[in-house]
């Protein structure tokens, strides 16, 4: 049977777009975490004697991590529904992003 695919279809474009958004969210979380100087109890990088940015930064980081996990799971689902041929592969960005998001939320709860 001949391969009739010419280029990426809609599902692959959606997975690619989700991957780009995930990298932007990961970068945003890292920048916010570095800028906010977390000193609240439960934040792993708390530094004694320094004043933190406040509760808004923590809430924003949690919100971005929840969005990241949701997008990662939807990207994995889209990618799994697309696996029909031997040449189709699971993209690593949604999988790694889901693991990072869950790990960051769990670490911030400690």
N, C-alpha and C. Protein backbone atom coordinates (compact mmCIF):
# COMPACT_ATOMS: atom_id res chain seq x y z
N UNK A 1 0.83 -1.17 0.00
CA UNK A 1 0.00 0.00 0.00
C UNK A 1 0.88 1.24 0.00
N UNK A 2 0.57 2.16 -0.86
CA UNK A 2 1.38 3.36 -1.04
C UNK A 2 1.07 4.40 0.04
N UNK A 3 2.10 5.07 0.51
CA UNK A 3 1.94 6.12 1.50
C UNK A 3 1.46 7.38 0.80
N UNK A 4 0.25 7.81 1.10
CA UNK A 4 -0.34 8.96 0.41
C UNK A 4 -0.18 10.26 1.19
N UNK A 5 0.53 10.23 2.29
CA UNK A 5 0.73 11.45 3.06
C UNK A 5 1.69 12.39 2.34
N UNK A 6 1.29 13.63 2.25
CA UNK A 6 2.12 14.63 1.60
C UNK A 6 2.87 15.46 2.65
N UNK A 7 2.18 15.80 3.72
CA UNK A 7 2.78 16.61 4.78
C UNK A 7 2.04 16.36 6.07
N UNK A 8 2.32 17.17 7.07
CA UNK A 8 1.64 16.98 8.35
C UNK A 8 0.15 17.32 8.24
N UNK A 9 -0.67 16.49 8.85
CA UNK A 9 -2.10 16.75 8.85
C UNK A 9 -2.47 17.62 10.05
N UNK A 10 -3.75 17.80 10.26
CA UNK A 10 -4.22 18.69 11.31
C UNK A 10 -3.79 18.23 12.70
N UNK A 11 -3.84 16.94 12.96
CA UNK A 11 -3.48 16.44 14.29
C UNK A 11 -1.99 16.69 14.57
N UNK A 12 -1.14 16.48 13.60
CA UNK A 12 0.28 16.72 13.80
C UNK A 12 0.56 18.21 13.99
N UNK A 13 -0.18 19.07 13.30
CA UNK A 13 -0.02 20.51 13.49
C UNK A 13 -0.46 20.91 14.90
N UNK A 14 -1.54 20.29 15.40
CA UNK A 14 -2.01 20.59 16.76
C UNK A 14 -0.96 20.15 17.77
N UNK A 15 -0.38 18.96 17.59
CA UNK A 15 0.64 18.47 18.52
C UNK A 15 1.87 19.38 18.48
N UNK A 16 2.25 19.84 17.30
CA UNK A 16 3.38 20.76 17.18
C UNK A 16 3.12 22.09 17.87
N UNK A 17 1.90 22.61 17.71
CA UNK A 17 1.53 23.86 18.37
C UNK A 17 1.51 23.70 19.88
N UNK A 18 0.97 22.58 20.35
CA UNK A 18 0.96 22.31 21.79
C UNK A 18 2.38 22.23 22.32
N UNK A 19 3.29 21.63 21.57
CA UNK A 19 4.69 21.52 22.01
C UNK A 19 5.33 22.89 22.15
N UNK A 20 5.06 23.78 21.21
CA UNK A 20 5.62 25.14 21.28
C UNK A 20 5.06 25.87 22.50
N UNK A 21 3.74 25.77 22.72
CA UNK A 21 3.12 26.43 23.87
C UNK A 21 3.68 25.86 25.17
N UNK A 22 3.93 24.55 25.21
CA UNK A 22 4.48 23.93 26.42
C UNK A 22 5.86 24.48 26.74
N UNK A 23 6.71 24.66 25.73
CA UNK A 23 8.04 25.21 25.97
C UNK A 23 7.97 26.65 26.45
N UNK A 24 7.01 27.42 25.93
CA UNK A 24 6.82 28.80 26.40
C UNK A 24 6.39 28.79 27.86
N UNK A 25 5.48 27.89 28.23
CA UNK A 25 5.02 27.81 29.62
C UNK A 25 6.16 27.38 30.54
N UNK A 26 6.97 26.41 30.11
CA UNK A 26 8.10 25.96 30.93
C UNK A 26 9.07 27.12 31.16
N UNK A 27 9.37 27.87 30.12
CA UNK A 27 10.28 29.02 30.26
C UNK A 27 9.67 30.08 31.17
N UNK A 28 8.37 30.31 31.04
CA UNK A 28 7.69 31.30 31.90
C UNK A 28 7.73 30.89 33.36
N UNK A 29 7.51 29.63 33.64
CA UNK A 29 7.55 29.14 35.02
C UNK A 29 8.96 29.30 35.60
N UNK A 30 9.96 28.98 34.83
CA UNK A 30 11.34 29.11 35.32
C UNK A 30 11.68 30.57 35.59
N UNK A 31 11.28 31.47 34.69
CA UNK A 31 11.55 32.89 34.87
C UNK A 31 10.79 33.43 36.08
N UNK A 32 9.51 33.08 36.20
CA UNK A 32 8.72 33.54 37.35
C UNK A 32 9.29 33.02 38.66
N UNK A 33 9.73 31.78 38.66
CA UNK A 33 10.28 31.19 39.87
C UNK A 33 11.57 31.90 40.27
N UNK A 34 12.39 32.26 39.28
CA UNK A 34 13.65 32.94 39.57
C UNK A 34 13.41 34.37 40.03
N UNK A 35 12.44 35.04 39.44
CA UNK A 35 12.17 36.44 39.78
C UNK A 35 11.44 36.55 41.12
N UNK A 36 10.54 35.61 41.40
CA UNK A 36 9.69 35.75 42.58
C UNK A 36 10.41 35.57 43.90
N UNK A 37 11.59 34.96 43.89
CA UNK A 37 12.35 34.74 45.11
C UNK A 37 11.46 34.10 46.18
N UNK A 38 11.03 32.86 45.96
CA UNK A 38 10.04 32.26 46.85
C UNK A 38 10.56 32.06 48.27
N UNK A 39 9.81 32.59 49.22
CA UNK A 39 10.17 32.41 50.61
C UNK A 39 9.03 31.83 51.42
N UNK A 40 7.92 31.51 50.78
CA UNK A 40 6.80 30.92 51.51
C UNK A 40 7.15 29.49 51.91
N UNK A 41 6.57 29.02 53.02
CA UNK A 41 6.81 27.63 53.39
C UNK A 41 6.27 26.71 52.30
N UNK A 42 7.01 25.69 52.00
CA UNK A 42 6.60 24.75 50.98
C UNK A 42 7.29 24.97 49.66
N UNK A 43 7.90 26.11 49.49
CA UNK A 43 8.64 26.36 48.25
C UNK A 43 10.08 25.90 48.47
N UNK A 44 10.57 25.10 47.58
CA UNK A 44 11.85 24.43 47.80
C UNK A 44 13.04 25.40 47.79
N UNK A 45 12.92 26.52 47.08
CA UNK A 45 14.07 27.41 46.94
C UNK A 45 13.99 28.61 47.87
N UNK A 46 13.31 28.47 48.98
CA UNK A 46 13.19 29.59 49.91
C UNK A 46 14.53 30.00 50.48
N UNK A 47 14.77 31.30 50.53
CA UNK A 47 16.02 31.82 51.07
C UNK A 47 15.72 32.68 52.29
N UNK A 48 16.29 32.37 53.42
CA UNK A 48 15.99 33.14 54.63
C UNK A 48 16.51 34.57 54.53
N UNK A 49 15.73 35.50 55.05
CA UNK A 49 16.17 36.89 55.10
C UNK A 49 15.77 37.71 53.89
N UNK A 50 15.29 37.10 52.83
CA UNK A 50 14.90 37.83 51.64
C UNK A 50 13.39 37.85 51.52
N UNK A 51 12.85 38.96 51.07
CA UNK A 51 11.40 39.09 50.95
C UNK A 51 10.95 38.57 49.59
N UNK A 52 9.90 37.78 49.58
CA UNK A 52 9.39 37.21 48.34
C UNK A 52 8.45 38.14 47.60
N UNK A 53 8.03 37.74 46.41
CA UNK A 53 7.17 38.57 45.58
C UNK A 53 5.72 38.54 46.05
N UNK A 54 5.35 37.57 46.84
CA UNK A 54 3.99 37.51 47.34
C UNK A 54 3.26 36.28 46.85
N UNK A 55 2.02 36.18 47.29
CA UNK A 55 1.21 35.02 46.97
C UNK A 55 0.80 34.97 45.50
N UNK A 56 0.72 36.13 44.84
CA UNK A 56 0.30 36.15 43.44
C UNK A 56 1.26 35.37 42.55
N UNK A 57 2.56 35.44 42.84
CA UNK A 57 3.54 34.73 42.02
C UNK A 57 3.38 33.22 42.19
N UNK A 58 3.16 32.79 43.42
CA UNK A 58 2.97 31.37 43.67
C UNK A 58 1.71 30.86 43.00
N UNK A 59 0.63 31.64 43.09
CA UNK A 59 -0.61 31.24 42.43
C UNK A 59 -0.46 31.20 40.91
N UNK A 60 0.28 32.15 40.35
CA UNK A 60 0.50 32.17 38.91
C UNK A 60 1.33 30.96 38.47
N UNK A 61 2.34 30.62 39.26
CA UNK A 61 3.17 29.46 38.92
C UNK A 61 2.33 28.18 38.98
N UNK A 62 1.52 28.03 40.03
CA UNK A 62 0.64 26.86 40.13
C UNK A 62 -0.33 26.79 38.95
N UNK A 63 -0.91 27.93 38.58
CA UNK A 63 -1.84 27.98 37.46
C UNK A 63 -1.17 27.58 36.15
N UNK A 64 0.04 28.09 35.92
CA UNK A 64 0.76 27.73 34.70
C UNK A 64 1.13 26.24 34.69
N UNK A 65 1.47 25.70 35.85
CA UNK A 65 1.80 24.27 35.91
C UNK A 65 0.57 23.40 35.65
N UNK A 66 -0.59 23.82 36.14
CA UNK A 66 -1.82 23.06 35.87
C UNK A 66 -2.16 23.12 34.38
N UNK A 67 -2.02 24.30 33.78
CA UNK A 67 -2.26 24.43 32.33
C UNK A 67 -1.26 23.57 31.57
N UNK A 68 -0.01 23.55 32.02
CA UNK A 68 1.02 22.74 31.37
C UNK A 68 0.66 21.26 31.41
N UNK A 69 0.21 20.78 32.56
CA UNK A 69 -0.16 19.37 32.68
C UNK A 69 -1.36 19.05 31.79
N UNK A 70 -2.35 19.94 31.78
CA UNK A 70 -3.53 19.72 30.93
C UNK A 70 -3.15 19.68 29.45
N UNK A 71 -2.32 20.63 29.00
CA UNK A 71 -1.89 20.64 27.59
C UNK A 71 -1.03 19.42 27.27
N UNK A 72 -0.20 19.00 28.21
CA UNK A 72 0.65 17.83 27.99
C UNK A 72 -0.19 16.58 27.79
N UNK A 73 -1.19 16.40 28.64
CA UNK A 73 -2.04 15.22 28.53
C UNK A 73 -2.84 15.26 27.23
N UNK A 74 -3.34 16.44 26.86
CA UNK A 74 -4.09 16.52 25.60
C UNK A 74 -3.15 16.28 24.41
N UNK A 75 -1.91 16.77 24.49
CA UNK A 75 -0.94 16.50 23.41
C UNK A 75 -0.62 15.02 23.29
N UNK A 76 -0.50 14.34 24.43
CA UNK A 76 -0.24 12.90 24.41
C UNK A 76 -1.43 12.16 23.80
N UNK A 77 -2.63 12.57 24.16
CA UNK A 77 -3.83 11.93 23.62
C UNK A 77 -3.92 12.14 22.11
N UNK A 78 -3.69 13.39 21.65
CA UNK A 78 -3.70 13.65 20.20
C UNK A 78 -2.65 12.81 19.49
N UNK A 79 -1.46 12.71 20.08
CA UNK A 79 -0.38 11.97 19.46
C UNK A 79 -0.67 10.48 19.40
N UNK A 80 -1.26 9.94 20.46
CA UNK A 80 -1.56 8.50 20.49
C UNK A 80 -2.65 8.16 19.48
N UNK A 81 -3.63 9.07 19.30
CA UNK A 81 -4.68 8.80 18.30
C UNK A 81 -4.12 8.84 16.89
N UNK A 82 -2.96 9.43 16.70
CA UNK A 82 -2.37 9.57 15.37
C UNK A 82 -1.46 8.39 15.01
N UNK A 83 -1.14 7.54 15.94
CA UNK A 83 -0.23 6.42 15.68
C UNK A 83 -0.93 5.35 14.86
N UNK A 84 -0.77 5.41 13.54
CA UNK A 84 -1.42 4.43 12.66
C UNK A 84 -0.42 3.67 11.81
N UNK A 85 0.70 4.28 11.52
CA UNK A 85 1.70 3.64 10.67
C UNK A 85 2.98 3.37 11.45
N UNK A 86 3.85 2.56 10.86
CA UNK A 86 5.11 2.24 11.53
C UNK A 86 6.01 3.46 11.68
N UNK A 87 5.88 4.43 10.80
CA UNK A 87 6.75 5.61 10.85
C UNK A 87 6.27 6.64 11.86
N UNK A 88 5.08 6.49 12.41
CA UNK A 88 4.57 7.44 13.40
C UNK A 88 5.24 7.19 14.74
N UNK A 89 5.64 8.27 15.39
CA UNK A 89 6.32 8.20 16.67
C UNK A 89 5.64 9.11 17.69
N UNK A 90 5.79 8.77 18.96
CA UNK A 90 5.29 9.62 20.03
C UNK A 90 6.31 10.73 20.25
N UNK A 91 5.84 11.98 20.27
CA UNK A 91 6.73 13.11 20.51
C UNK A 91 7.05 13.18 22.00
N UNK A 92 8.30 13.50 22.30
CA UNK A 92 8.75 13.49 23.69
C UNK A 92 8.38 14.74 24.47
N UNK A 93 8.16 15.87 23.79
CA UNK A 93 7.88 17.11 24.49
C UNK A 93 6.66 17.03 25.41
N UNK A 94 5.49 16.52 24.95
CA UNK A 94 4.36 16.43 25.89
C UNK A 94 4.61 15.47 27.06
N UNK A 95 5.33 14.40 26.81
CA UNK A 95 5.60 13.42 27.87
C UNK A 95 6.53 14.03 28.92
N UNK A 96 7.62 14.65 28.47
CA UNK A 96 8.57 15.27 29.39
C UNK A 96 7.91 16.43 30.13
N UNK A 97 7.10 17.20 29.42
CA UNK A 97 6.42 18.33 30.04
C UNK A 97 5.43 17.88 31.12
N UNK A 98 4.73 16.79 30.88
CA UNK A 98 3.80 16.27 31.89
C UNK A 98 4.57 15.82 33.13
N UNK A 99 5.67 15.14 32.93
CA UNK A 99 6.49 14.68 34.05
C UNK A 99 7.04 15.86 34.83
N UNK A 100 7.56 16.88 34.12
CA UNK A 100 8.09 18.06 34.79
C UNK A 100 7.01 18.82 35.56
N UNK A 101 5.84 18.96 34.96
CA UNK A 101 4.75 19.68 35.62
C UNK A 101 4.30 19.00 36.90
N UNK A 102 4.13 17.69 36.83
CA UNK A 102 3.71 16.94 38.02
C UNK A 102 4.80 16.98 39.08
N UNK A 103 6.06 16.83 38.65
CA UNK A 103 7.17 16.87 39.62
C UNK A 103 7.27 18.24 40.28
N UNK A 104 7.10 19.31 39.54
CA UNK A 104 7.19 20.65 40.12
C UNK A 104 6.07 20.91 41.12
N UNK A 105 4.86 20.46 40.80
CA UNK A 105 3.77 20.65 41.75
C UNK A 105 4.02 19.82 43.02
N UNK A 106 4.49 18.59 42.85
CA UNK A 106 4.75 17.75 44.02
C UNK A 106 5.89 18.32 44.87
N UNK A 107 6.94 18.84 44.22
CA UNK A 107 8.06 19.41 44.97
C UNK A 107 7.68 20.69 45.70
N UNK A 108 6.79 21.46 45.13
CA UNK A 108 6.40 22.71 45.80
C UNK A 108 5.47 22.47 46.97
N UNK A 109 4.86 21.28 47.04
CA UNK A 109 3.99 20.95 48.16
C UNK A 109 4.77 20.46 49.38
N UNK A 110 6.00 20.08 49.18
CA UNK A 110 6.81 19.54 50.28
C UNK A 110 7.21 20.64 51.23
